[in-house]
Amino acid sequence: MVMCVVKGCDSKSKVYSTIMFHRIPTKNKKRKNQWLAALNIDLKTPVESIKKWRVCSEHFGPDDYLENMDRVTRTTVQRLKDTAIPTIFRVQTGPSVSSPMAVSVTLLF
C-alpha cells in the first residue's frame, strides 16, 4: 500500500481513487532540496530512503499538472509538471482529528 509521506496526511492508495502519488525527485539536487524543504524533511536524508516515499496529489494545485490525451484509451491523463513543488498542506488544530471541534487549515507557500 502506498501512503503519503506528508505529516498529518492520511492519504493511502485505494482501488478507484482519484488521488495520485508522486515520487520525490532525486536526480535533480536543486529540485529534490526544494521538495524536501517544502515537506519539512531534513535535506541530509539518504536518497535510498527518499526513493521509497510518495507525496499525494492533495498537496499540489491544478496548475501543477499538464493534461494530455491518451491516444489509445482516449482519456485525459494528468502529469505533474517538472517545476511543481508541493505547496498545499492541511494543518489539524484542536482536540483531535476525529473531533467535531477539529479545524482544517490549508497553507499555501
PDB file of N, CA and C in Angstrom:
ATOM      1  N   MET A   1       0.838  -1.176   0.000  1.00  0.00           N
ATOM      2  CA  MET A   1       0.000   0.000   0.000  1.00  0.00           C
ATOM      3  C   MET A   1       0.887   1.245   0.000  1.00  0.00           C
ATOM      4  N   VAL A   2       0.524   2.190  -0.840  1.00  0.00           N
ATOM      5  CA  VAL A   2       1.260   3.456  -0.927  1.00  0.00           C
ATOM      6  C   VAL A   2       0.609   4.462   0.007  1.00  0.00           C
ATOM      7  N   MET A   3       1.445   5.168   0.768  1.00  0.00           N
ATOM      8  CA  MET A   3       0.946   6.191   1.698  1.00  0.00           C
ATOM      9  C   MET A   3       1.706   7.485   1.452  1.00  0.00           C
ATOM     10  N   CYS A   4       1.052   8.592   1.726  1.00  0.00           N
ATOM     11  CA  CYS A   4       1.664   9.909   1.572  1.00  0.00           C
ATOM     12  C   CYS A   4       2.621  10.173   2.737  1.00  0.00           C
ATOM     13  N   VAL A   5       3.797  10.715   2.425  1.00  0.00           N
ATOM     14  CA  VAL A   5       4.825  10.970   3.429  1.00  0.00           C
ATOM     15  C   VAL A   5       4.578  12.266   4.209  1.00  0.00           C
ATOM     16  N   VAL A   6       3.671  13.101   3.755  1.00  0.00           N
ATOM     17  CA  VAL A   6       3.429  14.390   4.398  1.00  0.00           C
ATOM     18  C   VAL A   6       2.847  14.182   5.793  1.00  0.00           C
ATOM     19  N   LYS A   7       3.447  14.857   6.774  1.00  0.00           N
ATOM     20  CA  LYS A   7       2.975  14.749   8.157  1.00  0.00           C
ATOM     21  C   LYS A   7       1.536  15.214   8.259  1.00  0.00           C
ATOM     22  N   GLY A   8       0.693  14.400   8.880  1.00  0.00           N
ATOM     23  CA  GLY A   8      -0.705  14.745   9.070  1.00  0.00           C
ATOM     24  C   GLY A   8      -1.608  14.344   7.921  1.00  0.00           C
ATOM     25  N   CYS A   9      -1.047  13.859   6.824  1.00  0.00           N
ATOM     26  CA  CYS A   9      -1.859  13.429   5.678  1.00  0.00           C
ATOM     27  C   CYS A   9      -2.121  11.937   5.806  1.00  0.00           C
ATOM     28  N   ASP A  10      -3.374  11.560   5.640  1.00  0.00           N
ATOM     29  CA  ASP A  10      -3.714  10.142   5.780  1.00  0.00           C
ATOM     30  C   ASP A  10      -4.078   9.494   4.444  1.00  0.00           C
ATOM     31  N   SER A  11      -3.659  10.095   3.335  1.00  0.00           N
ATOM     32  CA  SER A  11      -3.955   9.529   2.017  1.00  0.00           C
ATOM     33  C   SER A  11      -3.221   8.213   1.818  1.00  0.00           C
ATOM     34  N   LYS A  12      -3.968   7.231   1.330  1.00  0.00           N
ATOM     35  CA  LYS A  12      -3.421   5.907   1.024  1.00  0.00           C
ATOM     36  C   LYS A  12      -3.957   5.488  -0.329  1.00  0.00           C
ATOM     37  N   SER A  13      -3.218   4.624  -1.004  1.00  0.00           N
ATOM     38  CA  SER A  13      -3.696   4.129  -2.285  1.00  0.00           C
ATOM     39  C   SER A  13      -4.921   3.253  -2.053  1.00  0.00           C
ATOM     40  N   LYS A  14      -5.948   3.492  -2.851  1.00  0.00           N
ATOM     41  CA  LYS A  14      -7.196   2.725  -2.762  1.00  0.00           C
ATOM     42  C   LYS A  14      -7.672   2.419  -4.164  1.00  0.00           C
ATOM     43  N   VAL A  15      -8.396   1.343  -4.303  1.00  0.00           N
ATOM     44  CA  VAL A  15      -8.971   0.997  -5.591  1.00  0.00           C
ATOM     45  C   VAL A  15      -9.978   2.068  -5.978  1.00  0.00           C
ATOM     46  N   TYR A  16      -9.952   2.496  -7.215  1.00  0.00           N
ATOM     47  CA  TYR A  16     -10.862   3.501  -7.771  1.00  0.00           C
ATOM     48  C   TYR A  16     -10.707   4.886  -7.147  1.00  0.00           C
ATOM     49  N   SER A  17      -9.574   5.183  -6.567  1.00  0.00           N
ATOM     50  CA  SER A  17      -9.331   6.508  -6.002  1.00  0.00           C
ATOM     51  C   SER A  17      -8.789   7.430  -7.090  1.00  0.00           C
ATOM     52  N   THR A  18      -9.113   8.701  -6.979  1.00  0.00           N
ATOM     53  CA  THR A  18      -8.587   9.679  -7.939  1.00  0.00           C
ATOM     54  C   THR A  18      -7.287  10.305  -7.451  1.00  0.00           C
ATOM     55  N   ILE A  19      -6.857   9.946  -6.255  1.00  0.00           N
ATOM     56  CA  ILE A  19      -5.621  10.502  -5.702  1.00  0.00           C
ATOM     57  C   ILE A  19      -4.420   9.828  -6.372  1.00  0.00           C
ATOM     58  N   MET A  20      -3.483  10.659  -6.821  1.00  0.00           N
ATOM     59  CA  MET A  20      -2.249  10.157  -7.428  1.00  0.00           C
ATOM     60  C   MET A  20      -1.115  10.302  -6.420  1.00  0.00           C
ATOM     61  N   PHE A  21      -0.106   9.475  -6.570  1.00  0.00           N
ATOM     62  CA  PHE A  21       1.064   9.534  -5.698  1.00  0.00           C
ATOM     63  C   PHE A  21       2.305   9.786  -6.544  1.00  0.00           C
ATOM     64  N   HIS A  22       3.111  10.773  -6.121  1.00  0.00           N
ATOM     65  CA  HIS A  22       4.277  11.197  -6.881  1.00  0.00           C
ATOM     66  C   HIS A  22       5.559  10.921  -6.103  1.00  0.00           C
ATOM     67  N   ARG A  23       6.572  10.530  -6.826  1.00  0.00           N
ATOM     68  CA  ARG A  23       7.889  10.317  -6.219  1.00  0.00           C
ATOM     69  C   ARG A  23       8.569  11.664  -5.995  1.00  0.00           C
ATOM     70  N   ILE A  24       9.333  11.742  -4.946  1.00  0.00           N
ATOM     71  CA  ILE A  24      10.144  12.935  -4.708  1.00  0.00           C
ATOM     72  C   ILE A  24      11.296  12.885  -5.706  1.00  0.00           C
ATOM     73  N   PRO A  25      11.523  13.965  -6.458  1.00  0.00           N
ATOM     74  CA  PRO A  25      12.600  13.931  -7.449  1.00  0.00           C
ATOM     75  C   PRO A  25      13.965  13.783  -6.766  1.00  0.00           C
ATOM     76  N   THR A  26      14.784  12.882  -7.288  1.00  0.00           N
ATOM     77  CA  THR A  26      16.094  12.651  -6.676  1.00  0.00           C
ATOM     78  C   THR A  26      17.247  12.927  -7.633  1.00  0.00           C
ATOM     79  N   LYS A  27      16.987  12.972  -8.921  1.00  0.00           N
ATOM     80  CA  LYS A  27      18.076  13.160  -9.889  1.00  0.00           C
ATOM     81  C   LYS A  27      18.551  14.613  -9.948  1.00  0.00           C
ATOM     82  N   ASN A  28      17.639  15.550  -9.794  1.00  0.00           N
ATOM     83  CA  ASN A  28      17.975  16.971  -9.817  1.00  0.00           C
ATOM     84  C   ASN A  28      18.080  17.442  -8.365  1.00  0.00           C
ATOM     85  N   LYS A  29      19.302  17.705  -7.910  1.00  0.00           N
ATOM     86  CA  LYS A  29      19.537  18.034  -6.495  1.00  0.00           C
ATOM     87  C   LYS A  29      18.777  19.284  -6.055  1.00  0.00           C
ATOM     88  N   LYS A  30      18.753  20.321  -6.904  1.00  0.00           N
ATOM     89  CA  LYS A  30      18.058  21.557  -6.549  1.00  0.00           C
ATOM     90  C   LYS A  30      16.561  21.287  -6.345  1.00  0.00           C
ATOM     91  N   ARG A  31      15.977  20.545  -7.261  1.00  0.00           N
ATOM     92  CA  ARG A  31      14.545  20.233  -7.162  1.00  0.00           C
ATOM     93  C   ARG A  31      14.252  19.336  -5.961  1.00  0.00           C
ATOM     94  N   LYS A  32      15.109  18.357  -5.731  1.00  0.00           N
ATOM     95  CA  LYS A  32      14.956  17.473  -4.570  1.00  0.00           C
ATOM     96  C   LYS A  32      14.967  18.294  -3.292  1.00  0.00           C
ATOM     97  N   ASN A  33      15.903  19.219  -3.182  1.00  0.00           N
ATOM     98  CA  ASN A  33      16.014  20.052  -1.979  1.00  0.00           C
ATOM     99  C   ASN A  33      14.808  20.977  -1.817  1.00  0.00           C
ATOM    100  N   GLN A  34      14.255  21.471  -2.920  1.00  0.00           N
ATOM    101  CA  GLN A  34      13.047  22.295  -2.847  1.00  0.00           C
ATOM    102  C   GLN A  34      11.880  21.480  -2.290  1.00  0.00           C
ATOM    103  N   TRP A  35      11.735  20.262  -2.772  1.00  0.00           N
ATOM    104  CA  TRP A  35      10.659  19.396  -2.270  1.00  0.00           C
ATOM    105  C   TRP A  35      10.862  19.090  -0.788  1.00  0.00           C
ATOM    106  N   LEU A  36      12.074  18.699  -0.419  1.00  0.00           N
ATOM    107  CA  LEU A  36      12.346  18.346   0.979  1.00  0.00           C
ATOM    108  C   LEU A  36      12.109  19.536   1.897  1.00  0.00           C
ATOM    109  N   ALA A  37      12.518  20.722   1.467  1.00  0.00           N
ATOM    110  CA  ALA A  37      12.285  21.924   2.275  1.00  0.00           C
ATOM    111  C   ALA A  37      10.783  22.180   2.413  1.00  0.00           C
ATOM    112  N   ALA A  38      10.038  22.048   1.330  1.00  0.00           N
ATOM    113  CA  ALA A  38       8.590  22.265   1.372  1.00  0.00           C
ATOM    114  C   ALA A  38       7.906  21.246   2.281  1.00  0.00           C
ATOM    115  N   LEU A  39       8.441  20.026   2.315  1.00  0.00           N
ATOM    116  CA  LEU A  39       7.858  18.952   3.126  1.00  0.00           C
ATOM    117  C   LEU A  39       8.417  18.925   4.548  1.00  0.00           C
ATOM    118  N   ASN A  40       9.331  19.853   4.843  1.00  0.00           N
ATOM    119  CA  ASN A  40       9.961  19.928   6.163  1.00  0.00           C
ATOM    120  C   ASN A  40      10.690  18.625   6.507  1.00  0.00           C
ATOM    121  N   ILE A  41      11.450  18.135   5.536  1.00  0.00           N
ATOM    122  CA  ILE A  41      12.247  16.916   5.705  1.00  0.00           C
ATOM    123  C   ILE A  41      13.715  17.312   5.645  1.00  0.00           C
ATOM    124  N   ASP A  42      14.526  16.721   6.499  1.00  0.00           N
ATOM    125  CA  ASP A  42      15.958  17.020   6.565  1.00  0.00           C
ATOM    126  C   ASP A  42      16.604  16.820   5.195  1.00  0.00           C
ATOM    127  N   LEU A  43      17.336  17.833   4.730  1.00  0.00           N
ATOM    128  CA  LEU A  43      17.989  17.774   3.416  1.00  0.00           C
ATOM    129  C   LEU A  43      19.081  16.707   3.359  1.00  0.00           C
ATOM    130  N   LYS A  44      19.537  16.251   4.502  1.00  0.00           N
ATOM    131  CA  LYS A  44      20.586  15.228   4.546  1.00  0.00           C
ATOM    132  C   LYS A  44      20.023  13.810   4.564  1.00  0.00           C
ATOM    133  N   THR A  45      18.716  13.661   4.412  1.00  0.00           N
ATOM    134  CA  THR A  45      18.091  12.340   4.385  1.00  0.00           C
ATOM    135  C   THR A  45      18.666  11.540   3.224  1.00  0.00           C
ATOM    136  N   PRO A  46      19.058  10.290   3.459  1.00  0.00           N
ATOM    137  CA  PRO A  46      19.640   9.471   2.383  1.00  0.00           C
ATOM    138  C   PRO A  46      18.661   9.282   1.216  1.00  0.00           C
ATOM    139  N   VAL A  47      19.202   9.337   0.006  1.00  0.00           N
ATOM    140  CA  VAL A  47      18.395   9.181  -1.204  1.00  0.00           C
ATOM    141  C   VAL A  47      17.676   7.824  -1.212  1.00  0.00           C
ATOM    142  N   GLU A  48      18.297   6.806  -0.651  1.00  0.00           N
ATOM    143  CA  GLU A  48      17.676   5.482  -0.609  1.00  0.00           C
ATOM    144  C   GLU A  48      16.336   5.529   0.134  1.00  0.00           C
ATOM    145  N   SER A  49      16.258   6.328   1.178  1.00  0.00           N
ATOM    146  CA  SER A  49      15.005   6.491   1.924  1.00  0.00           C
ATOM    147  C   SER A  49      14.006   7.309   1.120  1.00  0.00           C
ATOM    148  N   ILE A  50      14.486   8.397   0.527  1.00  0.00           N
ATOM    149  CA  ILE A  50      13.615   9.300  -0.227  1.00  0.00           C
ATOM    150  C   ILE A  50      12.948   8.566  -1.383  1.00  0.00           C
ATOM    151  N   LYS A  51      13.661   7.663  -2.030  1.00  0.00           N
ATOM    152  CA  LYS A  51      13.114   6.924  -3.181  1.00  0.00           C
ATOM    153  C   LYS A  51      11.912   6.070  -2.805  1.00  0.00           C
ATOM    154  N   LYS A  52      11.765   5.733  -1.551  1.00  0.00           N
ATOM    155  CA  LYS A  52      10.638   4.908  -1.097  1.00  0.00           C
ATOM    156  C   LYS A  52       9.389   5.733  -0.796  1.00  0.00           C
ATOM    157  N   TRP A  53       9.536   7.033  -0.643  1.00  0.00           N
ATOM    158  CA  TRP A  53       8.445   7.898  -0.214  1.00  0.00           C
ATOM    159  C   TRP A  53       7.642   8.433  -1.382  1.00  0.00           C
ATOM    160  N   ARG A  54       6.361   8.742  -1.124  1.00  0.00           N
ATOM    161  CA  ARG A  54       5.474   9.325  -2.125  1.00  0.00           C
ATOM    162  C   ARG A  54       4.724  10.508  -1.516  1.00  0.00           C
ATOM    163  N   VAL A  55       4.372  11.463  -2.370  1.00  0.00           N
ATOM    164  CA  VAL A  55       3.577  12.626  -1.972  1.00  0.00           C
ATOM    165  C   VAL A  55       2.300  12.569  -2.797  1.00  0.00           C
ATOM    166  N   CYS A  56       1.155  12.673  -2.129  1.00  0.00           N
ATOM    167  CA  CYS A  56      -0.114  12.539  -2.849  1.00  0.00           C
ATOM    168  C   CYS A  56      -0.505  13.834  -3.559  1.00  0.00           C
ATOM    169  N   SER A  57      -1.413  13.704  -4.491  1.00  0.00           N
ATOM    170  CA  SER A  57      -1.855  14.833  -5.320  1.00  0.00           C
ATOM    171  C   SER A  57      -2.604  15.896  -4.523  1.00  0.00           C
ATOM    172  N   GLU A  58      -2.990  15.599  -3.294  1.00  0.00           N
ATOM    173  CA  GLU A  58      -3.669  16.581  -2.452  1.00  0.00           C
ATOM    174  C   GLU A  58      -2.780  17.780  -2.122  1.00  0.00           C
ATOM    175  N   HIS A  59      -1.471  17.632  -2.322  1.00  0.00           N
ATOM    176  CA  HIS A  59      -0.519  18.680  -1.954  1.00  0.00           C
ATOM    177  C   HIS A  59      -0.058  19.520  -3.153  1.00  0.00           C
ATOM    178  N   PHE A  60      -0.770  19.361  -4.270  1.00  0.00           N
ATOM    179  CA  PHE A  60      -0.464  20.107  -5.488  1.00  0.00           C
ATOM    180  C   PHE A  60      -1.733  20.768  -5.995  1.00  0.00           C
ATOM    181  N   GLY A  61      -1.571  21.918  -6.626  1.00  0.00           N
ATOM    182  CA  GLY A  61      -2.708  22.629  -7.205  1.00  0.00           C
ATOM    183  C   GLY A  61      -2.940  22.218  -8.646  1.00  0.00           C
ATOM    184  N   PRO A  62      -4.080  22.624  -9.210  1.00  0.00           N
ATOM    185  CA  PRO A  62      -4.395  22.278 -10.600  1.00  0.00           C
ATOM    186  C   PRO A  62      -3.352  22.798 -11.598  1.00  0.00           C
ATOM    187  N   ASP A  63      -2.722  23.923 -11.283  1.00  0.00           N
ATOM    188  CA  ASP A  63      -1.717  24.489 -12.188  1.00  0.00           C
ATOM    189  C   ASP A  63      -0.409  23.703 -12.186  1.00  0.00           C
ATOM    190  N   ASP A  64      -0.270  22.747 -11.274  1.00  0.00           N
ATOM    191  CA  ASP A  64       0.945  21.932 -11.200  1.00  0.00           C
ATOM    192  C   ASP A  64       0.915  20.749 -12.168  1.00  0.00           C
ATOM    193  N   TYR A  65      -0.185  20.597 -12.891  1.00  0.00           N
ATOM    194  CA  TYR A  65      -0.360  19.438 -13.774  1.00  0.00           C
ATOM    195  C   TYR A  65      -0.493  19.835 -15.236  1.00  0.00           C
ATOM    196  N   LEU A  66      -0.004  18.949 -16.098  1.00  0.00           N
ATOM    197  CA  LEU A  66      -0.227  19.031 -17.532  1.00  0.00           C
ATOM    198  C   LEU A  66      -1.283  17.982 -17.872  1.00  0.00           C
ATOM    199  N   GLU A  67      -2.188  18.312 -18.770  1.00  0.00           N
ATOM    200  CA  GLU A  67      -3.184  17.330 -19.201  1.00  0.00           C
ATOM    201  C   GLU A  67      -2.890  16.937 -20.638  1.00  0.00           C
ATOM    202  N   ASN A  68      -2.811  15.642 -20.873  1.00  0.00           N
ATOM    203  CA  ASN A  68      -2.574  15.105 -22.204  1.00  0.00           C
ATOM    204  C   ASN A  68      -3.645  14.077 -22.527  1.00  0.00           C
ATOM    205  N   MET A  69      -3.954  13.939 -23.805  1.00  0.00           N
ATOM    206  CA  MET A  69      -4.916  12.940 -24.247  1.00  0.00           C
ATOM    207  C   MET A  69      -4.163  11.656 -24.592  1.00  0.00           C
ATOM    208  N   ASP A  70      -4.576  10.560 -23.967  1.00  0.00           N
ATOM    209  CA  ASP A  70      -4.008   9.251 -24.289  1.00  0.00           C
ATOM    210  C   ASP A  70      -4.655   8.785 -25.583  1.00  0.00           C
ATOM    211  N   ARG A  71      -3.854   8.571 -26.607  1.00  0.00           N
ATOM    212  CA  ARG A  71      -4.393   8.222 -27.925  1.00  0.00           C
ATOM    213  C   ARG A  71      -5.037   6.846 -27.967  1.00  0.00           C
ATOM    214  N   VAL A  72      -4.567   5.941 -27.156  1.00  0.00           N
ATOM    215  CA  VAL A  72      -5.107   4.582 -27.162  1.00  0.00           C
ATOM    216  C   VAL A  72      -6.438   4.518 -26.419  1.00  0.00           C
ATOM    217  N   THR A  73      -6.466   5.027 -25.179  1.00  0.00           N
ATOM    218  CA  THR A  73      -7.678   4.923 -24.365  1.00  0.00           C
ATOM    219  C   THR A  73      -8.622   6.103 -24.562  1.00  0.00           C
ATOM    220  N   ARG A  74      -8.110   7.167 -25.218  1.00  0.00           N
ATOM    221  CA  ARG A  74      -8.881   8.390 -25.447  1.00  0.00           C
ATOM    222  C   ARG A  74      -9.390   9.006 -24.140  1.00  0.00           C
ATOM    223  N   THR A  75      -8.540   8.956 -23.151  1.00  0.00           N
ATOM    224  CA  THR A  75      -8.852   9.574 -21.864  1.00  0.00           C
ATOM    225  C   THR A  75      -7.796  10.626 -21.555  1.00  0.00           C
ATOM    226  N   THR A  76      -8.144  11.568 -20.708  1.00  0.00           N
ATOM    227  CA  THR A  76      -7.212  12.605 -20.302  1.00  0.00           C
ATOM    228  C   THR A  76      -6.306  12.059 -19.202  1.00  0.00           C
ATOM    229  N   VAL A  77      -5.023  12.281 -19.378  1.00  0.00           N
ATOM    230  CA  VAL A  77      -4.032  11.826 -18.410  1.00  0.00           C
ATOM    231  C   VAL A  77      -3.345  13.056 -17.827  1.00  0.00           C
ATOM    232  N   GLN A  78      -3.271  13.118 -16.496  1.00  0.00           N
ATOM    233  CA  GLN A  78      -2.593  14.235 -15.847  1.00  0.00           C
ATOM    234  C   GLN A  78      -1.173  13.820 -15.494  1.00  0.00           C
ATOM    235  N   ARG A  79      -0.238  14.741 -15.743  1.00  0.00           N
ATOM    236  CA  ARG A  79       1.165  14.508 -15.427  1.00  0.00           C
ATOM    237  C   ARG A  79       1.676  15.715 -14.656  1.00  0.00           C
ATOM    238  N   LEU A  80       2.400  15.456 -13.582  1.00  0.00           N
ATOM    239  CA  LEU A  80       2.953  16.530 -12.766  1.00  0.00           C
ATOM    240  C   LEU A  80       4.029  17.279 -13.557  1.00  0.00           C
ATOM    241  N   LYS A  81       3.968  18.595 -13.553  1.00  0.00           N
ATOM    242  CA  LYS A  81       4.966  19.404 -14.253  1.00  0.00           C
ATOM    243  C   LYS A  81       6.323  19.253 -13.575  1.00  0.00           C
ATOM    244  N   ASP A  82       7.377  19.394 -14.364  1.00  0.00           N
ATOM    245  CA  ASP A  82       8.736  19.303 -13.823  1.00  0.00           C
ATOM    246  C   ASP A  82       9.041  20.409 -12.824  1.00  0.00           C
ATOM    247  N   THR A  83       8.292  21.495 -12.881  1.00  0.00           N
ATOM    248  CA  THR A  83       8.522  22.629 -11.978  1.00  0.00           C
ATOM    249  C   THR A  83       7.669  22.576 -10.713  1.00  0.00           C
ATOM    250  N   ALA A  84       6.807  21.586 -10.601  1.00  0.00           N
ATOM    251  CA  ALA A  84       5.871  21.510  -9.474  1.00  0.00           C
ATOM    252  C   ALA A  84       6.590  21.198  -8.162  1.00  0.00           C
ATOM    253  N   ILE A  85       6.142  21.858  -7.121  1.00  0.00           N
ATOM    254  CA  ILE A  85       6.629  21.636  -5.756  1.00  0.00           C
ATOM    255  C   ILE A  85       5.394  21.558  -4.871  1.00  0.00           C
ATOM    256  N   PRO A  86       5.317  20.591  -3.941  1.00  0.00           N
ATOM    257  CA  PRO A  86       4.146  20.516  -3.072  1.00  0.00           C
ATOM    258  C   PRO A  86       3.991  21.797  -2.248  1.00  0.00           C
ATOM    259  N   THR A  87       2.786  22.396  -2.300  1.00  0.00           N
ATOM    260  CA  THR A  87       2.561  23.669  -1.608  1.00  0.00           C
ATOM    261  C   THR A  87       1.283  23.693  -0.783  1.00  0.00           C
ATOM    262  N   ILE A  88       0.491  22.643  -0.834  1.00  0.00           N
ATOM    263  CA  ILE A  88      -0.780  22.640  -0.110  1.00  0.00           C
ATOM    264  C   ILE A  88      -0.664  21.661   1.051  1.00  0.00           C
ATOM    265  N   PHE A  89      -0.803  22.200   2.258  1.00  0.00           N
ATOM    266  CA  PHE A  89      -0.681  21.379   3.460  1.00  0.00           C
ATOM    267  C   PHE A  89      -1.830  21.699   4.396  1.00  0.00           C
ATOM    268  N   ARG A  90      -2.454  20.687   4.913  1.00  0.00           N
ATOM    269  CA  ARG A  90      -3.547  20.868   5.867  1.00  0.00           C
ATOM    270  C   ARG A  90      -3.001  20.639   7.266  1.00  0.00           C
ATOM    271  N   VAL A  91      -3.223  21.606   8.115  1.00  0.00           N
ATOM    272  CA  VAL A  91      -2.752  21.528   9.491  1.00  0.00           C
ATOM    273  C   VAL A  91      -3.958  21.302  10.372  1.00  0.00           C
ATOM    274  N   GLN A  92      -3.934  20.231  11.136  1.00  0.00           N
ATOM    275  CA  GLN A  92      -5.035  19.931  12.039  1.00  0.00           C
ATOM    276  C   GLN A  92      -4.793  20.647  13.359  1.00  0.00           C
ATOM    277  N   THR A  93      -5.804  21.382  13.802  1.00  0.00           N
ATOM    278  CA  THR A  93      -5.720  22.030  15.101  1.00  0.00           C
ATOM    279  C   THR A  93      -6.946  21.648  15.891  1.00  0.00           C
ATOM    280  N   GLY A  94      -6.854  21.705  17.174  1.00  0.00           N
ATOM    281  CA  GLY A  94      -7.994  21.358  18.009  1.00  0.00           C
ATOM    282  C   GLY A  94      -7.706  20.106  18.810  1.00  0.00           C
ATOM    283  N   PRO A  95      -8.717  19.606  19.526  1.00  0.00           N
ATOM    284  CA  PRO A  95      -8.525  18.469  20.433  1.00  0.00           C
ATOM    285  C   PRO A  95      -8.016  17.211  19.740  1.00  0.00           C
ATOM    286  N   SER A  96      -8.616  16.838  18.602  1.00  0.00           N
ATOM    287  CA  SER A  96      -8.159  15.671  17.868  1.00  0.00           C
ATOM    288  C   SER A  96      -8.703  15.747  16.455  1.00  0.00           C
ATOM    289  N   VAL A  97      -8.112  14.959  15.573  1.00  0.00           N
ATOM    290  CA  VAL A  97      -8.521  14.963  14.172  1.00  0.00           C
ATOM    291  C   VAL A  97      -9.962  14.487  14.030  1.00  0.00           C
ATOM    292  N   SER A  98     -10.379  13.527  14.840  1.00  0.00           N
ATOM    293  CA  SER A  98     -11.724  12.973  14.722  1.00  0.00           C
ATOM    294  C   SER A  98     -12.779  13.802  15.458  1.00  0.00           C
ATOM    295  N   SER A  99     -12.334  14.779  16.215  1.00  0.00           N
ATOM    296  CA  SER A  99     -13.257  15.604  16.979  1.00  0.00           C
ATOM    297  C   SER A  99     -14.018  16.559  16.069  1.00  0.00           C
ATOM    298  N   PRO A 100     -15.308  16.799  16.362  1.00  0.00           N
ATOM    299  CA  PRO A 100     -16.052  17.771  15.574  1.00  0.00           C
ATOM    300  C   PRO A 100     -15.518  19.188  15.752  1.00  0.00           C
ATOM    301  N   MET A 101     -14.683  19.404  16.764  1.00  0.00           N
ATOM    302  CA  MET A 101     -14.114  20.716  17.014  1.00  0.00           C
ATOM    303  C   MET A 101     -12.802  20.926  16.242  1.00  0.00           C
ATOM    304  N   ALA A 102     -12.295  19.878  15.548  1.00  0.00           N
ATOM    305  CA  ALA A 102     -11.050  19.993  14.804  1.00  0.00           C
ATOM    306  C   ALA A 102     -11.261  20.927  13.614  1.00  0.00           C
ATOM    307  N   VAL A 103     -10.212  21.673  13.310  1.00  0.00           N
ATOM    308  CA  VAL A 103     -10.272  22.639  12.208  1.00  0.00           C
ATOM    309  C   VAL A 103      -9.198  22.283  11.197  1.00  0.00           C
ATOM    310  N   SER A 104      -9.525  22.337   9.928  1.00  0.00           N
ATOM    311  CA  SER A 104      -8.547  22.084   8.868  1.00  0.00           C
ATOM    312  C   SER A 104      -8.206  23.408   8.202  1.00  0.00           C
ATOM    313  N   VAL A 105      -6.923  23.695   8.116  1.00  0.00           N
ATOM    314  CA  VAL A 105      -6.452  24.934   7.511  1.00  0.00           C
ATOM    315  C   VAL A 105      -5.541  24.583   6.353  1.00  0.00           C
ATOM    316  N   THR A 106      -5.722  25.202   5.199  1.00  0.00           N
ATOM    317  CA  THR A 106      -4.851  24.978   4.065  1.00  0.00           C
ATOM    318  C   THR A 106      -3.833  26.094   4.007  1.00  0.00           C
ATOM    319  N   LEU A 107      -2.563  25.717   4.037  1.00  0.00           N
ATOM    320  CA  LEU A 107      -1.474  26.679   3.962  1.00  0.00           C
ATOM    321  C   LEU A 107      -0.897  26.646   2.557  1.00  0.00           C
ATOM    322  N   LEU A 108      -0.759  27.781   1.932  1.00  0.00           N
ATOM    323  CA  LEU A 108      -0.156  27.860   0.600  1.00  0.00           C
ATOM    324  C   LEU A 108       1.171  28.580   0.721  1.00  0.00           C
ATOM    325  N   PHE A 109       2.213  27.962   0.193  1.00  0.00           N
ATOM    326  CA  PHE A 109       3.562  28.557   0.248  1.00  0.00           C
ATOM    327  C   PHE A 109       3.950  29.043  -1.104  1.00  0.00           C
TER     328      PHE A 109
END
